[in-house]
């Protein structure tokens, strides 16, 4: 009978220094450029939708609030 290998042992030896995974070199400049590019696109969009939602909320509040004062006496 042939001896069996334990399952934990790898058939292939671990990668050496020449087989290290290749990854993109990240520089601080590149990271900052990417960050500010995303911020430059996201910030105007955020401001636009915030103003739109605030305007809608003001209109909804104006329609639903109880009118008091001189204007309420004129409508009844």
PDB file of N, CA and C in Angstrom:
ATOM      1  N   UNK A   1       0.818  -1.189   0.000  1.00  0.00           N
ATOM      2  CA  UNK A   1       0.000   0.000   0.000  1.00  0.00           C
ATOM      3  C   UNK A   1       0.860   1.250   0.000  1.00  0.00           C
ATOM      4  N   UNK A   2       0.363   2.252  -0.658  1.00  0.00           N
ATOM      5  CA  UNK A   2       1.095   3.509  -0.759  1.00  0.00           C
ATOM      6  C   UNK A   2       0.651   4.441   0.375  1.00  0.00           C
ATOM      7  N   UNK A   3       1.597   5.084   1.081  1.00  0.00           N
ATOM      8  CA  UNK A   3       1.188   5.971   2.183  1.00  0.00           C
ATOM      9  C   UNK A   3       0.468   7.201   1.632  1.00  0.00           C
ATOM     10  N   UNK A   4      -0.525   7.657   2.354  1.00  0.00           N
ATOM     11  CA  UNK A   4      -1.290   8.839   1.923  1.00  0.00           C
ATOM     12  C   UNK A   4      -0.730  10.083   2.589  1.00  0.00           C
ATOM     13  N   UNK A   5      -0.822  11.164   1.889  1.00  0.00           N
ATOM     14  CA  UNK A   5      -0.362  12.441   2.431  1.00  0.00           C
ATOM     15  C   UNK A   5      -1.473  13.077   3.261  1.00  0.00           C
ATOM     16  N   UNK A   6      -1.113  13.789   4.295  1.00  0.00           N
ATOM     17  CA  UNK A   6      -2.153  14.527   5.026  1.00  0.00           C
ATOM     18  C   UNK A   6      -2.720  15.638   4.134  1.00  0.00           C
ATOM     19  N   UNK A   7      -3.978  15.959   4.345  1.00  0.00           N
ATOM     20  CA  UNK A   7      -4.642  16.955   3.503  1.00  0.00           C
ATOM     21  C   UNK A   7      -4.077  18.358   3.714  1.00  0.00           C
ATOM     22  N   UNK A   8      -3.503  18.624   4.867  1.00  0.00           N
ATOM     23  CA  UNK A   8      -2.993  19.962   5.147  1.00  0.00           C
ATOM     24  C   UNK A   8      -1.755  20.288   4.324  1.00  0.00           C
ATOM     25  N   UNK A   9      -1.037  19.297   3.884  1.00  0.00           N
ATOM     26  CA  UNK A   9       0.167  19.564   3.097  1.00  0.00           C
ATOM     27  C   UNK A   9      -0.214  19.986   1.683  1.00  0.00           C
ATOM     28  N   UNK A  10       0.441  20.977   1.201  1.00  0.00           N
ATOM     29  CA  UNK A  10       0.190  21.464  -0.146  1.00  0.00           C
ATOM     30  C   UNK A  10       1.042  20.674  -1.125  1.00  0.00           C
ATOM     31  N   UNK A  11       0.487  20.376  -2.275  1.00  0.00           N
ATOM     32  CA  UNK A  11       1.233  19.658  -3.303  1.00  0.00           C
ATOM     33  C   UNK A  11       2.278  20.584  -3.891  1.00  0.00           C
ATOM     34  N   UNK A  12       1.947  21.825  -4.021  1.00  0.00           N
ATOM     35  CA  UNK A  12       2.844  22.818  -4.605  1.00  0.00           C
ATOM     36  C   UNK A  12       3.581  23.552  -3.487  1.00  0.00           C
ATOM     37  N   UNK A  13       4.841  23.781  -3.635  1.00  0.00           N
ATOM     38  CA  UNK A  13       5.559  24.509  -2.585  1.00  0.00           C
ATOM     39  C   UNK A  13       5.063  25.950  -2.504  1.00  0.00           C
ATOM     40  N   UNK A  14       5.211  26.593  -1.361  1.00  0.00           N
ATOM     41  CA  UNK A  14       4.737  27.979  -1.237  1.00  0.00           C
ATOM     42  C   UNK A  14       5.480  28.886  -2.210  1.00  0.00           C
ATOM     43  N   UNK A  15       4.827  29.940  -2.659  1.00  0.00           N
ATOM     44  CA  UNK A  15       5.465  30.817  -3.651  1.00  0.00           C
ATOM     45  C   UNK A  15       6.695  31.506  -3.070  1.00  0.00           C
ATOM     46  N   UNK A  16       7.700  31.587  -3.886  1.00  0.00           N
ATOM     47  CA  UNK A  16       8.926  32.253  -3.471  1.00  0.00           C
ATOM     48  C   UNK A  16       8.856  33.733  -3.776  1.00  0.00           C
ATOM     49  N   UNK A  17       9.943  34.444  -3.593  1.00  0.00           N
ATOM     50  CA  UNK A  17       9.929  35.890  -3.843  1.00  0.00           C
ATOM     51  C   UNK A  17       9.617  36.245  -5.291  1.00  0.00           C
ATOM     52  N   UNK A  18       9.986  35.386  -6.231  1.00  0.00           N
ATOM     53  CA  UNK A  18       9.733  35.691  -7.637  1.00  0.00           C
ATOM     54  C   UNK A  18       8.270  35.481  -8.006  1.00  0.00           C
ATOM     55  N   UNK A  19       7.534  34.766  -7.173  1.00  0.00           N
ATOM     56  CA  UNK A  19       6.125  34.487  -7.471  1.00  0.00           C
ATOM     57  C   UNK A  19       5.184  35.347  -6.631  1.00  0.00           C
ATOM     58  N   UNK A  20       5.684  36.406  -6.068  1.00  0.00           N
ATOM     59  CA  UNK A  20       4.840  37.271  -5.249  1.00  0.00           C
ATOM     60  C   UNK A  20       3.741  37.873  -6.116  1.00  0.00           C
ATOM     61  N   UNK A  21       2.544  38.007  -5.567  1.00  0.00           N
ATOM     62  CA  UNK A  21       1.455  38.583  -6.366  1.00  0.00           C
ATOM     63  C   UNK A  21       1.782  40.019  -6.764  1.00  0.00           C
ATOM     64  N   UNK A  22       1.441  40.350  -7.987  1.00  0.00           N
ATOM     65  CA  UNK A  22       1.705  41.689  -8.508  1.00  0.00           C
ATOM     66  C   UNK A  22       0.539  42.586  -8.103  1.00  0.00           C
ATOM     67  N   UNK A  23       0.839  43.720  -7.509  1.00  0.00           N
ATOM     68  CA  UNK A  23      -0.224  44.662  -7.157  1.00  0.00           C
ATOM     69  C   UNK A  23       0.159  46.040  -7.669  1.00  0.00           C
ATOM     70  N   UNK A  24      -0.844  46.842  -7.854  1.00  0.00           N
ATOM     71  CA  UNK A  24      -0.606  48.187  -8.373  1.00  0.00           C
ATOM     72  C   UNK A  24       0.098  49.022  -7.318  1.00  0.00           C
ATOM     73  N   UNK A  25       1.049  49.784  -7.751  1.00  0.00           N
ATOM     74  CA  UNK A  25       1.747  50.675  -6.826  1.00  0.00           C
ATOM     75  C   UNK A  25       0.860  51.880  -6.554  1.00  0.00           C
ATOM     76  N   UNK A  26       0.555  52.111  -5.301  1.00  0.00           N
ATOM     77  CA  UNK A  26      -0.302  53.227  -4.927  1.00  0.00           C
ATOM     78  C   UNK A  26       0.554  54.324  -4.313  1.00  0.00           C
ATOM     79  N   UNK A  27       0.417  55.508  -4.857  1.00  0.00           N
ATOM     80  CA  UNK A  27       1.167  56.636  -4.315  1.00  0.00           C
ATOM     81  C   UNK A  27       0.203  57.575  -3.607  1.00  0.00           C
ATOM     82  N   UNK A  28       0.718  58.382  -2.736  1.00  0.00           N
ATOM     83  CA  UNK A  28      -0.119  59.348  -2.017  1.00  0.00           C
ATOM     84  C   UNK A  28      -0.765  60.320  -3.004  1.00  0.00           C
ATOM     85  N   UNK A  29      -0.021  60.728  -4.018  1.00  0.00           N
ATOM     86  CA  UNK A  29      -0.554  61.658  -5.023  1.00  0.00           C
ATOM     87  C   UNK A  29      -1.738  61.031  -5.761  1.00  0.00           C
ATOM     88  N   UNK A  30      -1.579  59.778  -6.184  1.00  0.00           N
ATOM     89  CA  UNK A  30      -2.664  59.097  -6.884  1.00  0.00           C
ATOM     90  C   UNK A  30      -3.892  58.921  -6.014  1.00  0.00           C
ATOM     91  N   UNK A  31      -3.660  58.605  -4.740  1.00  0.00           N
ATOM     92  CA  UNK A  31      -4.773  58.437  -3.810  1.00  0.00           C
ATOM     93  C   UNK A  31      -5.516  59.753  -3.618  1.00  0.00           C
ATOM     94  N   UNK A  32      -4.776  60.837  -3.460  1.00  0.00           N
ATOM     95  CA  UNK A  32      -5.421  62.140  -3.267  1.00  0.00           C
ATOM     96  C   UNK A  32      -6.172  62.592  -4.512  1.00  0.00           C
ATOM     97  N   UNK A  33      -5.595  62.349  -5.677  1.00  0.00           N
ATOM     98  CA  UNK A  33      -6.279  62.712  -6.926  1.00  0.00           C
ATOM     99  C   UNK A  33      -7.590  61.942  -7.046  1.00  0.00           C
ATOM    100  N   UNK A  34      -7.554  60.646  -6.743  1.00  0.00           N
ATOM    101  CA  UNK A  34      -8.775  59.835  -6.811  1.00  0.00           C
ATOM    102  C   UNK A  34      -9.806  60.321  -5.805  1.00  0.00           C
ATOM    103  N   UNK A  35      -9.355  60.602  -4.595  1.00  0.00           N
ATOM    104  CA  UNK A  35     -10.268  61.050  -3.541  1.00  0.00           C
ATOM    105  C   UNK A  35     -10.966  62.349  -3.937  1.00  0.00           C
ATOM    106  N   UNK A  36     -10.188  63.323  -4.395  1.00  0.00           N
ATOM    107  CA  UNK A  36     -10.788  64.609  -4.745  1.00  0.00           C
ATOM    108  C   UNK A  36     -11.616  64.530  -6.023  1.00  0.00           C
ATOM    109  N   UNK A  37     -11.308  63.599  -6.908  1.00  0.00           N
ATOM    110  CA  UNK A  37     -12.143  63.401  -8.097  1.00  0.00           C
ATOM    111  C   UNK A  37     -13.521  62.900  -7.697  1.00  0.00           C
ATOM    112  N   UNK A  38     -13.548  61.917  -6.816  1.00  0.00           N
ATOM    113  CA  UNK A  38     -14.831  61.382  -6.347  1.00  0.00           C
ATOM    114  C   UNK A  38     -15.581  62.450  -5.563  1.00  0.00           C
ATOM    115  N   UNK A  39     -14.871  63.174  -4.723  1.00  0.00           N
ATOM    116  CA  UNK A  39     -15.502  64.234  -3.940  1.00  0.00           C
ATOM    117  C   UNK A  39     -16.066  65.327  -4.850  1.00  0.00           C
ATOM    118  N   UNK A  40     -15.330  65.661  -5.899  1.00  0.00           N
ATOM    119  CA  UNK A  40     -15.784  66.686  -6.831  1.00  0.00           C
ATOM    120  C   UNK A  40     -17.043  66.294  -7.579  1.00  0.00           C
ATOM    121  N   UNK A  41     -17.241  65.005  -7.786  1.00  0.00           N
ATOM    122  CA  UNK A  41     -18.468  64.545  -8.437  1.00  0.00           C
ATOM    123  C   UNK A  41     -19.604  64.365  -7.438  1.00  0.00           C
ATOM    124  N   UNK A  42     -19.288  63.884  -6.254  1.00  0.00           N
ATOM    125  CA  UNK A  42     -20.332  63.553  -5.285  1.00  0.00           C
ATOM    126  C   UNK A  42     -20.888  64.785  -4.581  1.00  0.00           C
ATOM    127  N   UNK A  43     -20.047  65.750  -4.283  1.00  0.00           N
ATOM    128  CA  UNK A  43     -20.492  66.906  -3.505  1.00  0.00           C
ATOM    129  C   UNK A  43     -21.564  67.739  -4.218  1.00  0.00           C
ATOM    130  N   UNK A  44     -21.394  68.104  -5.485  1.00  0.00           N
ATOM    131  CA  UNK A  44     -22.472  68.850  -6.153  1.00  0.00           C
ATOM    132  C   UNK A  44     -23.777  68.053  -6.243  1.00  0.00           C
ATOM    133  N   UNK A  45     -23.666  66.753  -6.450  1.00  0.00           N
ATOM    134  CA  UNK A  45     -24.864  65.912  -6.504  1.00  0.00           C
ATOM    135  C   UNK A  45     -25.569  65.911  -5.162  1.00  0.00           C
ATOM    136  N   UNK A  46     -24.794  65.771  -4.086  1.00  0.00           N
ATOM    137  CA  UNK A  46     -25.364  65.781  -2.739  1.00  0.00           C
ATOM    138  C   UNK A  46     -26.063  67.109  -2.460  1.00  0.00           C
ATOM    139  N   UNK A  47     -25.412  68.215  -2.806  1.00  0.00           N
ATOM    140  CA  UNK A  47     -25.991  69.539  -2.551  1.00  0.00           C
ATOM    141  C   UNK A  47     -27.275  69.728  -3.355  1.00  0.00           C
ATOM    142  N   UNK A  48     -27.273  69.282  -4.610  1.00  0.00           N
ATOM    143  CA  UNK A  48     -28.461  69.416  -5.457  1.00  0.00           C
ATOM    144  C   UNK A  48     -29.653  68.684  -4.845  1.00  0.00           C
ATOM    145  N   UNK A  49     -29.446  67.412  -4.460  1.00  0.00           N
ATOM    146  CA  UNK A  49     -30.559  66.633  -3.923  1.00  0.00           C
ATOM    147  C   UNK A  49     -30.968  67.111  -2.533  1.00  0.00           C
ATOM    148  N   UNK A  50     -30.035  67.633  -1.753  1.00  0.00           N
ATOM    149  CA  UNK A  50     -30.389  68.171  -0.438  1.00  0.00           C
ATOM    150  C   UNK A  50     -31.283  69.394  -0.596  1.00  0.00           C
ATOM    151  N   UNK A  51     -30.925  70.291  -1.507  1.00  0.00           N
ATOM    152  CA  UNK A  51     -31.758  71.475  -1.737  1.00  0.00           C
ATOM    153  C   UNK A  51     -33.136  71.090  -2.259  1.00  0.00           C
ATOM    154  N   UNK A  52     -33.164  70.112  -3.156  1.00  0.00           N
ATOM    155  CA  UNK A  52     -34.437  69.653  -3.719  1.00  0.00           C
ATOM    156  C   UNK A  52     -35.332  69.071  -2.620  1.00  0.00           C
ATOM    157  N   UNK A  53     -34.751  68.253  -1.740  1.00  0.00           N
ATOM    158  CA  UNK A  53     -35.527  67.660  -0.653  1.00  0.00           C
ATOM    159  C   UNK A  53     -35.975  68.719   0.350  1.00  0.00           C
ATOM    160  N   UNK A  54     -35.110  69.701   0.639  1.00  0.00           N
ATOM    161  CA  UNK A  54     -35.487  70.771   1.563  1.00  0.00           C
ATOM    162  C   UNK A  54     -36.644  71.593   1.001  1.00  0.00           C
ATOM    163  N   UNK A  55     -36.589  71.892  -0.293  1.00  0.00           N
ATOM    164  CA  UNK A  55     -37.661  72.658  -0.934  1.00  0.00           C
ATOM    165  C   UNK A  55     -38.978  71.886  -0.852  1.00  0.00           C
ATOM    166  N   UNK A  56     -38.914  70.592  -1.118  1.00  0.00           N
ATOM    167  CA  UNK A  56     -40.119  69.768  -1.064  1.00  0.00           C
ATOM    168  C   UNK A  56     -40.661  69.706   0.366  1.00  0.00           C
ATOM    169  N   UNK A  57     -39.773  69.600   1.345  1.00  0.00           N
ATOM    170  CA  UNK A  57     -40.205  69.547   2.743  1.00  0.00           C
ATOM    171  C   UNK A  57     -40.870  70.855   3.156  1.00  0.00           C
ATOM    172  N   UNK A  58     -40.334  71.990   2.701  1.00  0.00           N
ATOM    173  CA  UNK A  58     -40.956  73.284   3.020  1.00  0.00           C
ATOM    174  C   UNK A  58     -42.349  73.396   2.405  1.00  0.00           C
ATOM    175  N   UNK A  59     -42.498  72.923   1.169  1.00  0.00           N
ATOM    176  CA  UNK A  59     -43.808  72.974   0.515  1.00  0.00           C
ATOM    177  C   UNK A  59     -44.811  72.080   1.232  1.00  0.00           C
ATOM    178  N   UNK A  60     -44.369  70.891   1.637  1.00  0.00           N
ATOM    179  CA  UNK A  60     -45.264  69.978   2.352  1.00  0.00           C
ATOM    180  C   UNK A  60     -45.663  70.573   3.702  1.00  0.00           C
ATOM    181  N   UNK A  61     -44.716  71.188   4.386  1.00  0.00           N
ATOM    182  CA  UNK A  61     -45.013  71.794   5.681  1.00  0.00           C
ATOM    183  C   UNK A  61     -46.001  72.946   5.518  1.00  0.00           C
ATOM    184  N   UNK A  62     -45.821  73.755   4.487  1.00  0.00           N
ATOM    185  CA  UNK A  62     -46.707  74.894   4.261  1.00  0.00           C
ATOM    186  C   UNK A  62     -48.134  74.429   3.973  1.00  0.00           C
ATOM    187  N   UNK A  63     -48.294  73.281   3.352  1.00  0.00           N
ATOM    188  CA  UNK A  63     -49.629  72.771   3.040  1.00  0.00           C
ATOM    189  C   UNK A  63     -50.305  72.149   4.256  1.00  0.00           C
ATOM    190  N   UNK A  64     -49.522  71.547   5.146  1.00  0.00           N
ATOM    191  CA  UNK A  64     -50.130  70.787   6.242  1.00  0.00           C
ATOM    192  C   UNK A  64     -50.223  71.556   7.549  1.00  0.00           C
ATOM    193  N   UNK A  65     -49.490  72.642   7.706  1.00  0.00           N
ATOM    194  CA  UNK A  65     -49.495  73.329   9.001  1.00  0.00           C
ATOM    195  C   UNK A  65     -50.828  74.039   9.224  1.00  0.00           C
ATOM    196  N   UNK A  66     -51.137  74.234  10.486  1.00  0.00           N
ATOM    197  CA  UNK A  66     -52.365  74.946  10.832  1.00  0.00           C
ATOM    198  C   UNK A  66     -52.106  76.426  10.620  1.00  0.00           C
ATOM    199  N   UNK A  67     -52.936  77.035   9.825  1.00  0.00           N
ATOM    200  CA  UNK A  67     -52.758  78.451   9.539  1.00  0.00           C
ATOM    201  C   UNK A  67     -53.355  79.266  10.692  1.00  0.00           C
ATOM    202  N   UNK A  68     -52.542  80.166  11.211  1.00  0.00           N
ATOM    203  CA  UNK A  68     -53.005  81.010  12.314  1.00  0.00           C
ATOM    204  C   UNK A  68     -52.761  82.467  11.952  1.00  0.00           C
ATOM    205  N   UNK A  69     -53.368  83.326  12.700  1.00  0.00           N
ATOM    206  CA  UNK A  69     -53.143  84.751  12.487  1.00  0.00           C
ATOM    207  C   UNK A  69     -54.151  85.349  11.528  1.00  0.00           C
ATOM    208  N   UNK A  70     -53.761  86.448  10.916  1.00  0.00           N
ATOM    209  CA  UNK A  70     -54.669  87.217  10.066  1.00  0.00           C
ATOM    210  C   UNK A  70     -55.091  86.434   8.829  1.00  0.00           C
ATOM    211  N   UNK A  71     -54.204  85.619   8.279  1.00  0.00           N
ATOM    212  CA  UNK A  71     -54.556  84.880   7.070  1.00  0.00           C
ATOM    213  C   UNK A  71     -55.637  83.843   7.337  1.00  0.00           C
ATOM    214  N   UNK A  72     -55.627  83.211   8.508  1.00  0.00           N
ATOM    215  CA  UNK A  72     -56.629  82.181   8.780  1.00  0.00           C
ATOM    216  C   UNK A  72     -58.015  82.799   8.905  1.00  0.00           C
ATOM    217  N   UNK A  73     -58.107  84.023   9.394  1.00  0.00           N
ATOM    218  CA  UNK A  73     -59.405  84.671   9.532  1.00  0.00           C
ATOM    219  C   UNK A  73     -59.970  85.069   8.179  1.00  0.00           C
ATOM    220  N   UNK A  74     -59.099  85.324   7.229  1.00  0.00           N
ATOM    221  CA  UNK A  74     -59.565  85.716   5.906  1.00  0.00           C
ATOM    222  C   UNK A  74     -60.137  84.523   5.144  1.00  0.00           C
ATOM    223  N   UNK A  75     -59.621  83.321   5.386  1.00  0.00           N
ATOM    224  CA  UNK A  75     -60.069  82.159   4.617  1.00  0.00           C
ATOM    225  C   UNK A  75     -61.345  81.561   5.172  1.00  0.00           C
ATOM    226  N   UNK A  76     -61.685  81.823   6.447  1.00  0.00           N
ATOM    227  CA  UNK A  76     -62.904  81.226   7.014  1.00  0.00           C
ATOM    228  C   UNK A  76     -64.067  82.161   6.957  1.00  0.00           C
TER     229      UNK A  76
END
